[in-house]
Amino acid sequence: MFRVLPLLALIAVPSLAGCAVLSPFSMLSPTDCMTRVMYFESNRSSAEGMLAVGTVVMNRVNDPKFPNTVCGVVGQPNQFAPGVLWNPMKEGKSQALARQMAERVLRGERHPGVGTQAKFFHTEGYSFPYTNMHYVAVAGGNAFYEKR
């Protein structure tokens, strides 16, 4: 079915959502978690797409319905790419760009089109029959939206 690192087999998934249980991911900094979500969720050559993903993460951090830390948001089950906190990243331009953009977002930079209310995105080009999805931006291969 899937491979699990031996250490990961001992960890309960809820520990990724920001609870006090120690896990290997508790050693990740906000910059690490933001870098990883940008790297895995955006077109890896798109600074604009990474900025948009980072803006959604920060919008969630600032919403009481979500965890109040970057790693807590990124580690929520079924919200971002599977393995976002543990899959290996290839060192190179894409990883360096993701880290640079993560630092910018954590210093306060936001994607102007995403705004402060968009907390969701999906792959650009997909369509869904829901009427509560208000699209605000397309960047880095993703469509960003608010739920209304």
C-alpha atoms as a PDB file:
ATOM      1  CA  MET A   1       0.000   0.000   0.000  1.00  0.00           C
ATOM      2  CA  PHE A   2       2.548   2.637   1.132  1.00  0.00           C
ATOM      3  CA  ARG A   3       5.895   2.735   2.834  1.00  0.00           C
ATOM      4  CA  VAL A   4       6.228   4.211   6.304  1.00  0.00           C
ATOM      5  CA  LEU A   5       9.504   5.016   7.938  1.00  0.00           C
ATOM      6  CA  PRO A   6       9.824   2.913  11.111  1.00  0.00           C
ATOM      7  CA  LEU A   7       9.815   5.988  13.329  1.00  0.00           C
ATOM      8  CA  LEU A   8       6.704   7.358  11.645  1.00  0.00           C
ATOM      9  CA  ALA A   9       4.807   4.175  12.417  1.00  0.00           C
ATOM     10  CA  LEU A  10       4.896   5.155  16.102  1.00  0.00           C
ATOM     11  CA  ILE A  11       3.419   8.615  15.583  1.00  0.00           C
ATOM     12  CA  ALA A  12      -0.276   9.388  15.714  1.00  0.00           C
ATOM     13  CA  VAL A  13      -1.357  11.632  12.848  1.00  0.00           C
ATOM     14  CA  PRO A  14      -3.042  14.154  15.183  1.00  0.00           C
ATOM     15  CA  SER A  15       0.414  15.044  16.497  1.00  0.00           C
ATOM     16  CA  LEU A  16       0.899  16.899  13.207  1.00  0.00           C
ATOM     17  CA  ALA A  17      -1.988  19.216  13.960  1.00  0.00           C
ATOM     18  CA  GLY A  18      -0.074  21.086  16.640  1.00  0.00           C
ATOM     19  CA  CYS A  19      -0.812  19.118  19.799  1.00  0.00           C
ATOM     20  CA  ALA A  20       1.806  18.643  22.493  1.00  0.00           C
ATOM     21  CA  VAL A  21       2.828  15.089  21.515  1.00  0.00           C
ATOM     22  CA  LEU A  22       6.464  15.078  20.460  1.00  0.00           C
ATOM     23  CA  SER A  23       7.197  13.954  16.942  1.00  0.00           C
ATOM     24  CA  PRO A  24      10.108  14.331  14.528  1.00  0.00           C
ATOM     25  CA  PHE A  25       8.114  17.179  12.982  1.00  0.00           C
ATOM     26  CA  SER A  26       8.119  19.162  16.208  1.00  0.00           C
ATOM     27  CA  MET A  27      11.712  20.019  15.342  1.00  0.00           C
ATOM     28  CA  LEU A  28      10.636  21.874  12.191  1.00  0.00           C
ATOM     29  CA  SER A  29      10.644  25.652  12.332  1.00  0.00           C
ATOM     30  CA  PRO A  30       7.876  27.814  10.860  1.00  0.00           C
ATOM     31  CA  THR A  31      10.274  28.590   8.001  1.00  0.00           C
ATOM     32  CA  ASP A  32      10.828  24.866   7.386  1.00  0.00           C
ATOM     33  CA  CYS A  33       7.091  24.120   7.333  1.00  0.00           C
ATOM     34  CA  MET A  34       6.308  27.102   5.092  1.00  0.00           C
ATOM     35  CA  THR A  35       9.155  26.183   2.720  1.00  0.00           C
ATOM     36  CA  ARG A  36       7.874  22.631   2.456  1.00  0.00           C
ATOM     37  CA  VAL A  37       4.238  23.577   1.763  1.00  0.00           C
ATOM     38  CA  MET A  38       5.316  26.080  -0.903  1.00  0.00           C
ATOM     39  CA  TYR A  39       7.666  23.546  -2.486  1.00  0.00           C
ATOM     40  CA  PHE A  40       5.080  20.761  -2.682  1.00  0.00           C
ATOM     41  CA  GLU A  41       1.928  22.806  -3.377  1.00  0.00           C
ATOM     42  CA  SER A  42       3.008  25.295  -6.022  1.00  0.00           C
ATOM     43  CA  ASN A  43       4.647  25.208  -9.410  1.00  0.00           C
ATOM     44  CA  ARG A  44       8.211  24.999  -8.189  1.00  0.00           C
ATOM     45  CA  SER A  45       9.407  27.812 -10.429  1.00  0.00           C
ATOM     46  CA  SER A  46       6.637  30.270  -9.565  1.00  0.00           C
ATOM     47  CA  ALA A  47       7.439  32.807  -6.859  1.00  0.00           C
ATOM     48  CA  GLU A  48       3.912  34.211  -7.287  1.00  0.00           C
ATOM     49  CA  GLY A  49       2.358  30.775  -6.727  1.00  0.00           C
ATOM     50  CA  MET A  50       4.480  30.178  -3.654  1.00  0.00           C
ATOM     51  CA  LEU A  51       3.488  33.570  -2.277  1.00  0.00           C
ATOM     52  CA  ALA A  52      -0.187  32.701  -2.836  1.00  0.00           C
ATOM     53  CA  VAL A  53       0.168  29.350  -1.033  1.00  0.00           C
ATOM     54  CA  GLY A  54       1.960  31.070   1.843  1.00  0.00           C
ATOM     55  CA  THR A  55      -0.790  33.665   2.050  1.00  0.00           C
ATOM     56  CA  VAL A  56      -3.412  30.921   2.431  1.00  0.00           C
ATOM     57  CA  VAL A  57      -1.355  29.297   5.188  1.00  0.00           C
ATOM     58  CA  MET A  58      -1.097  32.594   7.065  1.00  0.00           C
ATOM     59  CA  ASN A  59      -4.817  33.297   6.550  1.00  0.00           C
ATOM     60  CA  ARG A  60      -5.482  29.976   8.261  1.00  0.00           C
ATOM     61  CA  VAL A  61      -3.020  30.707  11.080  1.00  0.00           C
ATOM     62  CA  ASN A  62      -4.978  33.907  11.752  1.00  0.00           C
ATOM     63  CA  ASP A  63      -8.376  32.144  11.732  1.00  0.00           C
ATOM     64  CA  PRO A  64      -9.519  30.566  15.024  1.00  0.00           C
ATOM     65  CA  LYS A  65     -11.017  27.624  13.076  1.00  0.00           C
ATOM     66  CA  PHE A  66      -7.485  26.439  12.227  1.00  0.00           C
ATOM     67  CA  PRO A  67      -4.317  25.764  14.257  1.00  0.00           C
ATOM     68  CA  ASN A  68      -2.517  28.959  15.265  1.00  0.00           C
ATOM     69  CA  THR A  69       0.968  27.956  14.038  1.00  0.00           C
ATOM     70  CA  VAL A  70       2.408  27.508  10.567  1.00  0.00           C
ATOM     71  CA  CYS A  71       3.452  23.918  11.252  1.00  0.00           C
ATOM     72  CA  GLY A  72       0.077  23.194  12.836  1.00  0.00           C
ATOM     73  CA  VAL A  73      -1.725  24.403   9.712  1.00  0.00           C
ATOM     74  CA  VAL A  74       0.617  22.639   7.289  1.00  0.00           C
ATOM     75  CA  GLY A  75       0.417  19.422   9.300  1.00  0.00           C
ATOM     76  CA  GLN A  76      -3.381  19.208   9.338  1.00  0.00           C
ATOM     77  CA  PRO A  77      -4.508  15.883   7.879  1.00  0.00           C
ATOM     78  CA  ASN A  78      -5.915  15.913   4.341  1.00  0.00           C
ATOM     79  CA  GLN A  79      -5.315  19.607   3.751  1.00  0.00           C
ATOM     80  CA  PHE A  80      -2.070  19.727   1.808  1.00  0.00           C
ATOM     81  CA  ALA A  81       0.004  17.370  -0.320  1.00  0.00           C
ATOM     82  CA  PRO A  82       0.476  13.938   1.284  1.00  0.00           C
ATOM     83  CA  GLY A  83       3.852  13.827   2.993  1.00  0.00           C
ATOM     84  CA  VAL A  84       4.347  17.586   2.850  1.00  0.00           C
ATOM     85  CA  LEU A  85       6.242  17.526   6.164  1.00  0.00           C
ATOM     86  CA  TRP A  86       8.438  14.513   5.499  1.00  0.00           C
ATOM     87  CA  ASN A  87       8.872  13.810   1.786  1.00  0.00           C
ATOM     88  CA  PRO A  88      12.355  14.707   0.576  1.00  0.00           C
ATOM     89  CA  MET A  89      12.883  17.933  -1.336  1.00  0.00           C
ATOM     90  CA  LYS A  90      15.496  18.083  -4.055  1.00  0.00           C
ATOM     91  CA  GLU A  91      18.150  20.634  -3.283  1.00  0.00           C
ATOM     92  CA  GLY A  92      18.440  23.260  -5.974  1.00  0.00           C
ATOM     93  CA  LYS A  93      16.751  26.365  -7.359  1.00  0.00           C
ATOM     94  CA  SER A  94      13.203  25.292  -6.478  1.00  0.00           C
ATOM     95  CA  GLN A  95      14.013  24.577  -2.852  1.00  0.00           C
ATOM     96  CA  ALA A  96      16.006  27.814  -2.564  1.00  0.00           C
ATOM     97  CA  LEU A  97      13.128  29.808  -4.081  1.00  0.00           C
ATOM     98  CA  ALA A  98      10.637  28.165  -1.710  1.00  0.00           C
ATOM     99  CA  ARG A  99      12.823  29.065   1.290  1.00  0.00           C
ATOM    100  CA  GLN A 100      13.242  32.640   0.087  1.00  0.00           C
ATOM    101  CA  MET A 101       9.492  33.018  -0.413  1.00  0.00           C
ATOM    102  CA  ALA A 102       8.767  31.392   2.964  1.00  0.00           C
ATOM    103  CA  GLU A 103      10.976  33.958   4.667  1.00  0.00           C
ATOM    104  CA  ARG A 104       9.202  36.777   2.831  1.00  0.00           C
ATOM    105  CA  VAL A 105       5.755  35.519   3.862  1.00  0.00           C
ATOM    106  CA  LEU A 106       6.841  35.084   7.462  1.00  0.00           C
ATOM    107  CA  ARG A 107       8.077  38.704   7.406  1.00  0.00           C
ATOM    108  CA  GLY A 108       4.564  39.801   6.368  1.00  0.00           C
ATOM    109  CA  GLU A 109       4.471  39.789   2.566  1.00  0.00           C
ATOM    110  CA  ARG A 110       1.168  38.568   1.074  1.00  0.00           C
ATOM    111  CA  HIS A 111      -0.198  37.859  -2.382  1.00  0.00           C
ATOM    112  CA  PRO A 112      -2.443  40.851  -3.190  1.00  0.00           C
ATOM    113  CA  GLY A 113      -4.959  38.804  -5.177  1.00  0.00           C
ATOM    114  CA  VAL A 114      -5.443  36.166  -2.495  1.00  0.00           C
ATOM    115  CA  GLY A 115      -6.359  38.710   0.172  1.00  0.00           C
ATOM    116  CA  THR A 116      -7.091  37.896   3.789  1.00  0.00           C
ATOM    117  CA  GLN A 117     -10.169  35.684   3.464  1.00  0.00           C
ATOM    118  CA  ALA A 118      -9.057  32.987   0.996  1.00  0.00           C
ATOM    119  CA  LYS A 119      -8.148  29.872   2.942  1.00  0.00           C
ATOM    120  CA  PHE A 120      -8.421  27.243   0.234  1.00  0.00           C
ATOM    121  CA  PHE A 121      -7.034  26.331  -3.165  1.00  0.00           C
ATOM    122  CA  HIS A 122      -7.001  23.482  -5.621  1.00  0.00           C
ATOM    123  CA  THR A 123      -5.262  22.649  -8.858  1.00  0.00           C
ATOM    124  CA  GLU A 124      -6.061  25.155 -11.575  1.00  0.00           C
ATOM    125  CA  GLY A 125      -8.406  23.801 -14.218  1.00  0.00           C
ATOM    126  CA  TYR A 126     -10.448  21.581 -11.901  1.00  0.00           C
ATOM    127  CA  SER A 127     -14.074  22.500 -11.414  1.00  0.00           C
ATOM    128  CA  PHE A 128     -16.473  21.597  -8.646  1.00  0.00           C
ATOM    129  CA  PRO A 129     -20.266  21.910  -8.414  1.00  0.00           C
ATOM    130  CA  TYR A 130     -20.222  23.846  -5.134  1.00  0.00           C
ATOM    131  CA  THR A 131     -21.812  27.290  -5.083  1.00  0.00           C
ATOM    132  CA  ASN A 132     -19.901  28.587  -2.039  1.00  0.00           C
ATOM    133  CA  MET A 133     -16.490  28.843  -3.759  1.00  0.00           C
ATOM    134  CA  HIS A 134     -15.597  32.452  -4.569  1.00  0.00           C
ATOM    135  CA  TYR A 135     -12.405  32.471  -6.643  1.00  0.00           C
ATOM    136  CA  VAL A 136      -9.983  35.327  -6.038  1.00  0.00           C
ATOM    137  CA  ALA A 137      -6.722  34.403  -7.814  1.00  0.00           C
ATOM    138  CA  VAL A 138      -4.897  31.896  -9.978  1.00  0.00           C
ATOM    139  CA  ALA A 139      -1.157  31.486  -9.416  1.00  0.00           C
ATOM    140  CA  GLY A 140       1.475  28.764  -9.583  1.00  0.00           C
ATOM    141  CA  GLY A 141      -0.909  26.202 -11.064  1.00  0.00           C
ATOM    142  CA  ASN A 142      -3.552  26.661  -8.349  1.00  0.00           C
ATOM    143  CA  ALA A 143      -6.914  28.442  -8.074  1.00  0.00           C
ATOM    144  CA  PHE A 144      -7.428  30.215  -4.735  1.00  0.00           C
ATOM    145  CA  TYR A 145     -10.830  30.791  -3.193  1.00  0.00           C
ATOM    146  CA  GLU A 146     -12.899  31.872  -0.235  1.00  0.00           C
ATOM    147  CA  LYS A 147     -15.846  29.881   1.045  1.00  0.00           C
ATOM    148  CA  ARG A 148     -18.975  32.004   1.369  1.00  0.00           C
END
